[in-house]
Amino acid sequence: MICVTIAYPSHHQLKSEHQELAQKGARLIELRLDHLQAEPNIDLVLKDRPTPVIVTCRRAEDGGMWYLTEERRRQILVKAMEAGADYVDLEDGVAASIPRTGTSKRIVSWHNFVETPEDLDAVYDRLAAQDADVVKIACFAQSPLDSLRMLDLVKRKRNAKVPLVGFCMGEYGVPSRILCQAFGSPFTYCQPTAEQALAPGMMAWDVMRDLYRAEELTPEVEVFGVIADPVGHSMSPVIHNSAFIKNQLPNRVYIPLRVQPEFLEEFMRKAPEILNLKGLSVTIPHKEKVIPLLDQVDTSVKVIGACNTVLWNADGSTLGTNTDYQAAMSSLASAASSVEGDAKPVNWSEPLDDPQTGAIRETPLTGKTALIMGAGGVGKALAIGLARRGAELILTDADFPRAQALAERLTADGYTAEACEWHFRHEIDVDYLVNCTPIGMFPNVGNSPYDVDRLKESHVCFDAVYNPEETLFIRSARENGCAVVNGLRMFVLQAGMQFERFTGTEPPLDVMREVVQNALNH
């Protein structure tokens, strides 16, 4: 069940919002009385309530807004119990001093806005001992491992005499907010809308209910997600969850997982069992670092040296693959075709090395020069794909040794590639400009990886950035008459390929593209 927390300065607003949420289908509401500007009127807020409620009057040290005396606050909580509130939230220490009265169930809560302590079991035992009907533990996560520990506790207390609502606050805690109800918590908390921020990491009710389908998830849920650092900008949860819904695939959820590089190895070791992971999308900065942590990788990863997709087999082993490669080649093919006009169509999604001689078959790229800006995971995929299709490459990166290493590798494999310093990139005459850096990505939308005043009509411009859909680089290229490919096409195609690997079903590409465009436009 999802509990929607509401907080308003007036009794009228509180009751009006309660009625509106109930009409929209909310089944449990937390009434935050500490936000009221007047002293709370318990009889008024409980009268004719359309749903069960949790009455909470939070003191400042627990993240609340209460401004009167502590004695008066406790009197109000007792009054709520006597008046028959469905639940009353009593903080650690306070609960022990307030005897049970009335029919209300007692939520004994503890909040830590700084960290998630190691002794979570001890915290649970302390709270449960204070005549609790439900224990609530909410801690601030400083790493993805904190969220894993919290969910592990929730799973272990699933059948305990006193149920546990346990989750972490902050960006690292988002997975625990989504999954705690599935793993054993009687409910999870959210806010009415994205604009009404009430606690770090708390998400909007419609997102929790409709996108993540939190109320429908069971302990057997198959979990997928994207690991990145940062991860807040990622559209992957929107695109994959919408595809699950479109293809009528129940009890599956795709979640954002912010994982710092220093925690990647431990996360990959612990997360699969705790979360019941079945598949991951992998993006910056993990596409190369995740490879040594996998049991096996396919040819695409071996060729490119980067992995953007991890799959868990039935025996628990892991397989890494790369869908950036085929998606990028398919996207660039459309641009090349528009430039070459009647050129013979080529299936760019397949390698074009002749299997007998090893020679490169002739393609629209034969003899063309491409400037690859960025030599990370996506840059490698684009560079190798273009090289295998006959392009001559110039590689550049703010980290020049990384560009040098990729150029040397390609040259050793028989391709034409050289590296140049980042600040020399404008001095080279090229046919294709390919951005594989995050430059221009939201929120830094005023930046471009290439000086827009130097764009030529003859350039074919590709940008792997998809948020925003039209970057400054792509918009300027279009205004200069260049053939362009934006990152959205590649993103949707690679996500569709991932989805097919995750589920074994045909990806609904039209829906996936539409939901990302809608999200970007709003």
Protein backbone atom coordinates (compact mmCIF):
# COMPACT_ATOMS: atom_id res chain seq x y z
CA MET A 1 0.00 0.00 0.00
CA ILE A 2 1.12 3.56 -0.66
CA CYS A 3 0.66 6.16 2.05
CA VAL A 4 0.36 9.70 0.68
CA THR A 5 1.69 12.33 3.07
CA ILE A 6 -0.08 15.70 3.05
CA ALA A 7 0.92 18.88 4.88
CA TYR A 8 -0.86 22.24 4.68
CA PRO A 9 -1.08 25.40 6.80
CA SER A 10 -4.89 25.27 7.18
CA HIS A 11 -7.39 22.62 8.28
CA HIS A 12 -9.53 23.38 5.23
CA GLN A 13 -6.64 22.69 2.83
CA LEU A 14 -5.75 19.50 4.67
CA LYS A 15 -9.29 18.12 4.50
CA SER A 16 -9.82 19.26 0.92
CA GLU A 17 -6.63 17.54 -0.27
CA HIS A 18 -7.60 14.42 1.64
CA GLN A 19 -10.94 14.28 -0.12
CA GLU A 20 -9.38 14.88 -3.53
CA LEU A 21 -6.75 12.17 -3.07
CA ALA A 22 -9.38 9.70 -1.92
CA GLN A 23 -11.43 10.39 -5.04
CA LYS A 24 -8.31 9.65 -7.12
CA GLY A 25 -7.85 6.30 -5.40
CA ALA A 26 -5.53 6.92 -2.46
CA ARG A 27 -6.07 4.31 0.25
CA LEU A 28 -3.98 5.63 3.16
CA ILE A 29 -3.16 9.24 4.06
CA GLU A 30 -0.63 10.64 6.53
CA LEU A 31 -1.88 13.90 8.04
CA ARG A 32 1.09 16.08 9.03
CA LEU A 33 -0.44 18.27 11.72
CA ASP A 34 2.83 20.05 12.51
CA HIS A 35 2.47 22.12 9.30
CA LEU A 36 -0.81 23.68 10.49
CA GLN A 37 -0.53 27.35 11.41
CA ALA A 38 -3.31 27.07 13.98
CA GLU A 39 -3.33 24.53 16.79
CA PRO A 40 -4.54 21.18 15.39
CA ASN A 41 -8.24 20.37 15.80
CA ILE A 42 -8.26 16.57 16.01
CA ASP A 43 -12.03 16.20 15.86
CA LEU A 44 -12.16 18.31 12.70
CA VAL A 45 -9.40 16.50 10.77
CA LEU A 46 -10.75 13.04 11.66
CA LYS A 47 -14.44 13.75 11.06
CA ASP A 48 -15.87 12.11 7.93
CA ARG A 49 -12.41 11.04 6.76
CA PRO A 50 -12.67 9.20 3.43
CA THR A 51 -9.69 6.90 4.03
CA PRO A 52 -7.73 5.49 6.95
CA VAL A 53 -5.17 7.98 8.25
CA ILE A 54 -1.85 8.19 10.04
CA VAL A 55 -1.80 11.17 12.39
CA THR A 56 1.69 12.65 12.67
CA CYS A 57 2.79 15.77 14.50
CA ARG A 58 6.52 15.89 13.93
CA ARG A 59 8.90 17.80 16.17
CA ALA A 60 11.76 19.79 14.61
CA GLU A 61 14.51 17.33 15.57
CA ASP A 62 12.71 14.67 13.50
CA GLY A 63 12.28 16.89 10.46
CA GLY A 64 9.00 18.50 11.50
CA MET A 65 7.56 21.99 11.82
CA TRP A 66 6.01 21.87 15.30
CA TYR A 67 6.38 25.24 17.05
CA LEU A 68 4.44 24.86 20.33
CA THR A 69 5.56 23.01 23.44
CA GLU A 70 6.44 19.33 23.51
CA GLU A 71 3.87 18.77 26.25
CA ARG A 72 1.11 20.16 24.03
CA ARG A 73 2.28 18.04 21.09
CA ARG A 74 2.02 14.87 23.16
CA GLN A 75 -1.45 15.86 24.34
CA ILE A 76 -2.53 16.17 20.70
CA LEU A 77 -1.14 12.71 19.87
CA VAL A 78 -3.00 11.19 22.83
CA LYS A 79 -6.16 13.00 21.75
CA ALA A 80 -5.76 11.48 18.25
CA MET A 81 -5.56 7.99 19.77
CA GLU A 82 -8.58 8.61 21.95
CA ALA A 83 -10.52 9.93 18.94
CA GLY A 84 -9.90 6.72 16.99
CA ALA A 85 -7.26 7.69 14.43
CA ASP A 86 -6.33 4.59 12.45
CA TYR A 87 -2.62 5.08 13.18
CA VAL A 88 -0.70 7.54 15.31
CA ASP A 89 3.03 8.10 14.78
CA LEU A 90 5.03 8.21 18.01
CA GLU A 91 8.77 8.87 17.89
CA ASP A 92 11.45 6.78 19.56
CA GLY A 93 11.52 7.62 23.27
CA VAL A 94 8.20 9.45 23.11
CA ALA A 95 6.29 6.22 22.49
CA ALA A 96 7.69 4.64 25.65
CA SER A 97 6.25 7.47 27.75
CA ILE A 98 2.76 7.42 26.20
CA PRO A 99 0.55 4.49 27.26
CA ARG A 100 -1.74 2.80 24.78
CA THR A 101 -5.26 4.22 24.65
CA GLY A 102 -8.19 3.97 22.27
CA THR A 103 -8.16 1.75 19.19
CA SER A 104 -5.37 3.42 17.24
CA LYS A 105 -2.40 1.39 16.05
CA ARG A 106 0.92 2.74 17.23
CA ILE A 107 3.68 3.47 14.69
CA VAL A 108 6.91 3.86 16.62
CA SER A 109 9.29 5.77 14.37
CA TRP A 110 12.93 6.78 14.24
CA HIS A 111 14.47 9.22 11.75
CA ASN A 112 18.13 9.85 11.06
CA PHE A 113 18.78 12.62 8.54
CA VAL A 114 22.55 12.16 8.59
CA GLU A 115 23.33 8.48 8.01
CA THR A 116 22.14 4.89 8.04
CA PRO A 117 23.73 3.27 11.10
CA GLU A 118 25.24 -0.19 11.10
CA ASP A 119 23.05 -1.43 13.96
CA LEU A 120 19.68 -1.41 12.15
CA ASP A 121 18.60 -4.64 13.88
CA ALA A 122 19.21 -3.04 17.27
CA VAL A 123 17.22 0.03 16.23
CA TYR A 124 14.32 -2.18 15.17
CA ASP A 125 14.38 -4.12 18.46
CA ARG A 126 14.42 -0.87 20.49
CA LEU A 127 11.43 0.55 18.63
CA ALA A 128 9.43 -2.68 18.64
CA ALA A 129 9.81 -2.87 22.42
CA GLN A 130 7.90 0.42 22.87
CA ASP A 131 4.45 -1.20 22.48
CA ALA A 132 4.61 -0.83 18.71
CA ASP A 133 2.07 -2.14 16.22
CA VAL A 134 4.33 -0.96 13.37
CA VAL A 135 7.98 0.09 13.43
CA LYS A 136 9.14 2.83 11.04
CA ILE A 137 12.84 3.40 10.35
CA ALA A 138 13.81 6.20 7.96
CA CYS A 139 17.52 6.96 7.54
CA PHE A 140 19.58 9.03 5.17
CA ALA A 141 21.56 6.88 2.73
CA GLN A 142 25.12 7.95 2.07
CA SER A 143 25.74 5.18 -0.45
CA PRO A 144 23.78 2.52 -2.38
CA LEU A 145 24.92 -0.03 0.18
CA ASP A 146 22.84 1.72 2.86
CA SER A 147 19.71 1.19 0.79
CA LEU A 148 20.63 -2.48 0.33
CA ARG A 149 21.09 -2.96 4.08
CA MET A 150 17.73 -1.37 4.77
CA LEU A 151 15.93 -3.57 2.25
CA ASP A 152 17.71 -6.63 3.64
CA LEU A 153 16.34 -5.75 7.08
CA VAL A 154 12.83 -5.29 5.67
CA LYS A 155 13.00 -8.71 3.99
CA ARG A 156 14.21 -10.39 7.19
CA LYS A 157 11.39 -8.79 9.23
CA ARG A 158 8.67 -9.70 6.69
CA ASN A 159 7.04 -12.21 9.02
CA ALA A 160 7.97 -10.55 12.31
CA LYS A 161 5.32 -9.99 14.95
CA VAL A 162 5.81 -6.23 14.57
CA PRO A 163 6.00 -5.27 10.87
CA LEU A 164 8.63 -2.84 9.66
CA VAL A 165 8.28 0.14 7.36
CA GLY A 166 11.93 0.66 6.45
CA PHE A 167 13.45 2.88 3.77
CA CYS A 168 16.30 5.30 3.19
CA MET A 169 16.02 8.98 2.39
CA GLY A 170 17.96 10.84 -0.28
CA GLU A 171 18.83 9.87 -3.85
CA TYR A 172 20.59 6.67 -2.80
CA GLY A 173 17.45 5.68 -0.91
CA VAL A 174 15.00 5.84 -3.84
CA PRO A 175 15.21 2.06 -4.54
CA SER A 176 14.23 1.31 -0.95
CA ARG A 177 11.18 3.59 -1.16
CA ILE A 178 10.01 1.77 -4.30
CA LEU A 179 10.71 -1.78 -3.12
CA CYS A 180 10.12 -1.82 0.64
CA GLN A 181 6.40 -2.57 0.29
CA ALA A 182 7.10 -5.49 -2.06
CA PHE A 183 9.71 -6.88 0.33
CA GLY A 184 7.54 -6.80 3.44
CA SER A 185 6.70 -3.27 4.62
CA PRO A 186 2.95 -2.77 5.16
CA PHE A 187 3.20 0.50 3.22
CA THR A 188 5.61 3.04 1.75
CA TYR A 189 5.39 6.82 1.76
CA CYS A 190 5.11 9.35 -1.07
CA GLN A 191 4.03 12.95 -1.59
CA PRO A 192 0.99 14.16 -3.57
CA THR A 193 2.99 15.76 -6.39
CA ALA A 194 6.61 16.26 -7.42
CA GLU A 195 6.42 19.91 -6.32
CA GLN A 196 5.35 19.18 -2.74
CA ALA A 197 8.72 18.05 -1.37
CA LEU A 198 8.32 16.83 2.20
CA ALA A 199 11.40 14.63 2.73
CA PRO A 200 14.64 13.90 0.83
CA GLY A 201 14.03 11.41 -1.96
CA MET A 202 10.25 11.20 -1.51
CA MET A 203 8.57 10.84 -4.89
CA ALA A 204 5.20 11.81 -6.29
CA TRP A 205 2.22 9.52 -5.75
CA ASP A 206 1.41 9.10 -9.45
CA VAL A 207 5.02 8.13 -10.20
CA MET A 208 5.12 5.59 -7.37
CA ARG A 209 1.69 4.16 -8.25
CA ASP A 210 1.53 4.36 -12.04
CA LEU A 211 5.13 4.17 -13.24
CA TYR A 212 6.72 1.93 -10.62
CA ARG A 213 3.46 0.12 -9.77
CA ALA A 214 4.67 -0.18 -6.16
CA GLU A 215 1.33 -1.44 -4.81
CA GLU A 216 1.27 -4.32 -7.32
CA LEU A 217 4.75 -5.65 -6.59
CA THR A 218 5.19 -8.85 -4.58
CA PRO A 219 8.22 -10.47 -2.91
CA GLU A 220 8.88 -12.36 -6.17
CA VAL A 221 9.27 -9.12 -8.15
CA GLU A 222 11.89 -9.19 -10.91
CA VAL A 223 14.01 -6.07 -10.55
CA PHE A 224 15.87 -4.29 -13.34
CA GLY A 225 17.61 -0.95 -13.20
CA VAL A 226 20.24 1.49 -14.38
CA ILE A 227 23.51 1.98 -12.51
CA ALA A 228 25.17 5.35 -12.96
CA ASP A 229 26.71 8.23 -11.04
CA PRO A 230 24.83 10.52 -11.22
CA VAL A 231 21.55 8.83 -12.16
CA GLY A 232 18.88 11.48 -11.60
CA HIS A 233 18.89 12.61 -15.24
CA SER A 234 18.30 9.10 -16.63
CA MET A 235 15.12 8.45 -18.60
CA SER A 236 15.67 4.69 -18.45
CA PRO A 237 13.15 4.08 -15.62
CA VAL A 238 10.46 5.92 -17.61
CA ILE A 239 11.15 4.08 -20.84
CA HIS A 240 11.47 0.54 -19.42
CA ASN A 241 8.61 0.70 -16.92
CA SER A 242 6.31 2.09 -19.61
CA ALA A 243 7.33 -0.81 -21.84
CA PHE A 244 6.59 -3.32 -19.05
CA ILE A 245 3.13 -1.80 -18.76
CA LYS A 246 2.52 -1.71 -22.51
CA ASN A 247 3.55 -5.37 -22.92
CA GLN A 248 1.46 -6.36 -19.86
CA LEU A 249 4.40 -7.78 -17.93
CA PRO A 250 3.39 -7.81 -14.23
CA ASN A 251 5.65 -7.90 -11.17
CA ARG A 252 8.58 -6.32 -12.97
CA VAL A 253 10.07 -2.97 -12.09
CA TYR A 254 12.99 -0.90 -13.38
CA ILE A 255 14.61 1.42 -10.83
CA PRO A 256 17.32 4.11 -10.74
CA LEU A 257 20.43 3.01 -8.86
CA ARG A 258 23.03 5.64 -8.10
CA VAL A 259 26.29 3.77 -7.53
CA GLN A 260 29.58 5.56 -6.93
CA PRO A 261 32.62 3.90 -8.55
CA GLU A 262 34.14 2.97 -5.18
CA PHE A 263 31.04 0.93 -4.31
CA LEU A 264 30.54 -0.77 -7.68
CA GLU A 265 32.24 -4.06 -6.82
CA GLU A 266 30.44 -4.50 -3.50
CA PHE A 267 27.14 -3.45 -5.05
CA MET A 268 27.49 -6.04 -7.82
CA ARG A 269 28.24 -8.68 -5.21
CA LYS A 270 25.38 -7.92 -2.81
CA ALA A 271 22.58 -6.37 -4.86
CA PRO A 272 21.53 -9.37 -7.00
CA GLU A 273 20.33 -11.44 -4.04
CA ILE A 274 18.84 -8.61 -1.99
CA LEU A 275 17.06 -6.95 -4.91
CA ASN A 276 16.40 -10.06 -7.02
CA LEU A 277 18.16 -8.36 -9.93
CA LYS A 278 17.54 -9.76 -13.40
CA GLY A 279 19.14 -7.10 -15.59
CA LEU A 280 20.98 -3.79 -15.50
CA SER A 281 21.59 -0.95 -17.87
CA VAL A 282 25.11 0.38 -17.32
CA THR A 283 26.15 3.93 -18.05
CA ILE A 284 28.65 6.61 -17.01
CA PRO A 285 31.05 5.93 -15.29
CA HIS A 286 30.73 2.13 -15.10
CA LYS A 287 30.76 0.81 -18.69
CA GLU A 288 34.39 -0.29 -18.52
CA LYS A 289 34.79 -0.88 -14.79
CA VAL A 290 31.92 -3.38 -14.63
CA ILE A 291 33.53 -5.81 -17.11
CA PRO A 292 35.99 -7.51 -14.69
CA LEU A 293 33.07 -8.11 -12.30
CA LEU A 294 31.11 -10.23 -14.81
CA ASP A 295 31.27 -13.99 -15.36
CA GLN A 296 31.25 -13.69 -19.13
CA VAL A 297 30.89 -11.08 -21.87
CA ASP A 298 29.81 -11.43 -25.49
CA THR A 299 31.67 -10.42 -28.62
CA SER A 300 30.33 -6.86 -28.62
CA VAL A 301 31.93 -6.17 -25.23
CA LYS A 302 35.18 -7.85 -26.21
CA VAL A 303 35.40 -5.78 -29.39
CA ILE A 304 34.39 -2.45 -27.87
CA GLY A 305 35.83 -2.81 -24.38
CA ALA A 306 32.66 -1.40 -22.82
CA CYS A 307 29.48 -2.95 -21.44
CA ASN A 308 26.09 -1.23 -21.24
CA THR A 309 23.90 -4.23 -20.37
CA VAL A 310 24.20 -6.92 -17.69
CA LEU A 311 21.97 -9.98 -17.63
CA TRP A 312 21.57 -12.55 -14.86
CA ASN A 313 21.22 -16.12 -16.04
CA ALA A 314 19.03 -18.72 -14.30
CA ASP A 315 22.09 -20.10 -12.47
CA GLY A 316 22.96 -16.64 -11.10
CA SER A 317 25.90 -16.05 -13.44
CA THR A 318 26.24 -12.74 -15.27
CA LEU A 319 26.58 -11.91 -18.95
CA GLY A 320 27.65 -8.53 -20.30
CA THR A 321 26.67 -7.20 -23.71
CA ASN A 322 26.58 -3.85 -25.53
CA THR A 323 23.51 -2.51 -27.30
CA ASP A 324 25.04 0.96 -27.85
CA TYR A 325 26.97 -0.45 -30.79
CA GLN A 326 24.11 -1.63 -32.98
CA ALA A 327 21.89 1.29 -31.99
CA ALA A 328 24.57 3.83 -32.88
CA MET A 329 25.25 2.24 -36.24
CA SER A 330 21.58 2.10 -37.12
CA SER A 331 21.17 5.76 -36.12
CA LEU A 332 24.13 6.93 -38.15
CA ALA A 333 22.97 4.93 -41.17
CA SER A 334 19.96 7.19 -41.51
CA ALA A 335 22.17 10.27 -41.60
CA ALA A 336 24.57 8.72 -44.10
CA SER A 337 21.72 7.71 -46.36
CA SER A 338 20.34 11.24 -46.40
CA VAL A 339 23.75 12.57 -47.43
CA GLU A 340 24.56 9.89 -49.99
CA GLY A 341 21.13 10.00 -51.64
CA ASP A 342 20.98 7.00 -53.96
CA ALA A 343 23.82 5.13 -52.29
CA LYS A 344 23.18 1.42 -52.03
CA PRO A 345 21.51 0.72 -48.67
CA VAL A 346 23.75 -1.03 -46.15
CA ASN A 347 22.70 -2.97 -43.08
CA TRP A 348 24.76 -1.00 -40.61
CA SER A 349 23.64 -3.03 -37.63
CA GLU A 350 25.93 -5.87 -38.73
CA PRO A 351 29.76 -5.79 -38.80
CA LEU A 352 31.00 -5.14 -42.32
CA ASP A 353 34.28 -7.02 -42.22
CA ASP A 354 34.37 -9.60 -45.01
CA PRO A 355 34.35 -12.97 -43.19
CA GLN A 356 36.72 -14.51 -45.76
CA THR A 357 39.34 -11.79 -46.29
CA GLY A 358 38.85 -9.54 -43.28
CA ALA A 359 38.66 -6.56 -45.60
CA ILE A 360 36.16 -3.77 -45.04
CA ARG A 361 33.28 -3.82 -47.50
CA GLU A 362 32.50 -0.54 -49.17
CA THR A 363 29.93 1.57 -47.32
CA PRO A 364 28.73 5.19 -47.37
CA LEU A 365 31.54 5.85 -44.88
CA THR A 366 34.38 4.54 -47.02
CA GLY A 367 36.94 7.30 -47.32
CA LYS A 368 35.11 9.63 -44.94
CA THR A 369 36.76 11.19 -41.89
CA ALA A 370 35.01 11.24 -38.53
CA LEU A 371 35.93 13.27 -35.47
CA ILE A 372 34.95 11.29 -32.37
CA MET A 373 34.69 13.60 -29.36
CA GLY A 374 34.92 11.47 -26.22
CA ALA A 375 36.70 8.13 -25.88
CA GLY A 376 34.62 6.58 -23.09
CA GLY A 377 32.13 3.73 -23.41
CA VAL A 378 29.89 5.30 -26.06
CA GLY A 379 32.91 6.78 -27.83
CA LYS A 380 34.47 3.35 -28.12
CA ALA A 381 31.27 1.88 -29.54
CA LEU A 382 30.97 4.63 -32.16
CA ALA A 383 34.66 4.61 -33.01
CA ILE A 384 34.89 0.87 -33.52
CA GLY A 385 31.63 0.76 -35.44
CA LEU A 386 32.68 3.56 -37.77
CA ALA A 387 36.17 2.12 -38.24
CA ARG A 388 34.73 -1.26 -39.19
CA ARG A 389 32.66 0.55 -41.79
CA GLY A 390 35.62 2.18 -43.49
CA ALA A 391 35.81 5.60 -41.83
CA GLU A 392 39.10 7.26 -41.00
CA LEU A 393 39.00 8.40 -37.39
CA ILE A 394 40.28 11.36 -35.41
CA LEU A 395 39.84 10.71 -31.70
CA THR A 396 39.84 13.44 -29.08
CA ASP A 397 39.01 13.62 -25.40
CA ALA A 398 39.62 15.98 -22.53
CA ASP A 399 41.59 13.02 -21.15
CA PHE A 400 44.07 12.88 -24.06
CA PRO A 401 45.80 9.62 -23.00
CA ARG A 402 42.43 7.87 -23.21
CA ALA A 403 41.97 9.04 -26.80
CA GLN A 404 45.56 7.98 -27.57
CA ALA A 405 44.98 4.51 -26.15
CA LEU A 406 41.87 3.99 -28.27
CA ALA A 407 43.62 5.25 -31.41
CA GLU A 408 46.55 2.92 -30.81
CA ARG A 409 44.22 0.00 -30.28
CA LEU A 410 42.33 0.68 -33.51
CA THR A 411 45.55 1.17 -35.46
CA ALA A 412 46.88 -2.12 -34.12
CA ASP A 413 43.72 -3.79 -35.41
CA GLY A 414 44.35 -2.43 -38.90
CA TYR A 415 42.05 0.58 -38.91
CA THR A 416 42.92 4.21 -39.68
CA ALA A 417 42.84 6.22 -36.48
CA GLU A 418 44.83 8.93 -34.76
CA ALA A 419 44.39 11.05 -31.65
CA CYS A 420 44.47 14.81 -31.30
CA GLU A 421 44.50 17.13 -28.33
CA TRP A 422 41.02 18.41 -27.38
CA HIS A 423 41.90 22.05 -28.13
CA PHE A 424 43.01 21.15 -31.69
CA ARG A 425 39.71 19.52 -32.69
CA HIS A 426 38.50 22.52 -34.73
CA GLU A 427 41.62 22.58 -36.90
CA ILE A 428 40.89 19.27 -38.65
CA ASP A 429 38.77 18.96 -41.78
CA VAL A 430 36.26 16.15 -41.21
CA ASP A 431 33.00 14.85 -42.66
CA TYR A 432 31.39 13.50 -39.48
CA LEU A 433 31.22 15.20 -36.06
CA VAL A 434 30.32 12.69 -33.37
CA ASN A 435 29.77 13.81 -29.77
CA CYS A 436 30.20 11.04 -27.20
CA THR A 437 30.80 13.35 -24.25
CA PRO A 438 28.17 14.57 -21.74
CA ILE A 439 28.76 18.17 -22.90
CA GLY A 440 25.39 19.79 -23.55
CA MET A 441 23.51 17.36 -21.27
CA PHE A 442 20.88 18.74 -18.91
CA PRO A 443 21.29 20.93 -16.91
CA ASN A 444 24.30 22.35 -18.81
CA VAL A 445 22.25 22.90 -21.97
CA GLY A 446 24.12 26.05 -23.00
CA ASN A 447 27.32 24.12 -23.79
CA SER A 448 28.41 22.48 -27.04
CA PRO A 449 31.30 20.04 -27.64
CA TYR A 450 32.08 21.81 -30.93
CA ASP A 451 32.19 25.52 -31.65
CA VAL A 452 28.84 26.13 -33.36
CA ASP A 453 30.34 28.96 -35.45
CA ARG A 454 32.62 26.42 -37.13
CA LEU A 455 29.87 24.08 -38.33
CA LYS A 456 29.63 23.54 -42.09
CA GLU A 457 26.69 22.46 -44.18
CA SER A 458 28.72 19.42 -45.31
CA HIS A 459 29.05 18.09 -41.75
CA VAL A 460 27.07 15.09 -40.60
CA CYS A 461 26.50 15.65 -36.87
CA PHE A 462 25.68 13.00 -34.28
CA ASP A 463 25.09 13.67 -30.57
CA ALA A 464 24.80 10.80 -28.11
CA VAL A 465 23.21 13.15 -25.54
CA TYR A 466 19.43 12.73 -25.44
CA ASN A 467 18.48 15.04 -22.57
CA PRO A 468 17.58 17.54 -23.96
CA GLU A 469 16.31 15.96 -27.15
CA GLU A 470 17.76 18.83 -29.18
CA THR A 471 21.09 19.94 -27.73
CA LEU A 472 22.73 23.24 -28.63
CA PHE A 473 25.11 21.26 -30.87
CA ILE A 474 22.29 19.54 -32.80
CA ARG A 475 20.12 22.67 -33.00
CA SER A 476 23.03 24.70 -34.38
CA ALA A 477 23.94 21.95 -36.84
CA ARG A 478 20.37 21.83 -38.10
CA GLU A 479 20.30 25.62 -38.51
CA ASN A 480 23.51 25.35 -40.58
CA GLY A 481 21.95 22.79 -42.91
CA CYS A 482 23.88 19.79 -41.58
CA ALA A 483 22.48 16.27 -41.59
CA VAL A 484 21.86 15.44 -37.92
CA VAL A 485 21.12 12.50 -35.67
CA ASN A 486 20.12 13.26 -32.07
CA GLY A 487 20.76 10.99 -29.11
CA LEU A 488 17.09 10.11 -28.65
CA ARG A 489 17.03 7.75 -31.64
CA MET A 490 20.08 5.89 -30.41
CA PHE A 491 18.81 5.85 -26.82
CA VAL A 492 15.44 4.39 -27.76
CA LEU A 493 16.99 1.77 -30.03
CA GLN A 494 19.55 0.62 -27.48
CA ALA A 495 16.89 0.55 -24.76
CA GLY A 496 14.64 -1.49 -27.03
CA MET A 497 17.44 -4.00 -27.55
CA GLN A 498 18.00 -4.15 -23.80
CA PHE A 499 14.28 -4.63 -23.17
CA GLU A 500 14.20 -7.57 -25.57
CA ARG A 501 17.14 -9.15 -23.76
CA PHE A 502 15.54 -8.46 -20.37
CA THR A 503 12.10 -9.88 -21.17
CA GLY A 504 12.25 -11.94 -24.35
CA THR A 505 9.42 -9.83 -25.78
CA GLU A 506 9.26 -7.38 -28.67
CA PRO A 507 10.01 -3.85 -27.45
CA PRO A 508 7.20 -1.31 -28.01
CA LEU A 509 9.53 1.25 -29.60
CA ASP A 510 6.80 3.77 -30.41
CA VAL A 511 5.69 3.88 -26.78
CA MET A 512 9.27 4.03 -25.55
CA ARG A 513 10.04 6.98 -27.81
CA GLU A 514 6.83 8.79 -26.92
CA VAL A 515 7.26 8.58 -23.14
CA VAL A 516 10.83 9.88 -23.32
CA GLN A 517 9.78 12.79 -25.53
CA ASN A 518 6.94 13.63 -23.16
CA ALA A 519 9.28 13.48 -20.17
CA LEU A 520 11.85 15.71 -21.86
CA ASN A 521 9.19 18.22 -22.88
CA HIS A 522 7.93 18.53 -19.32
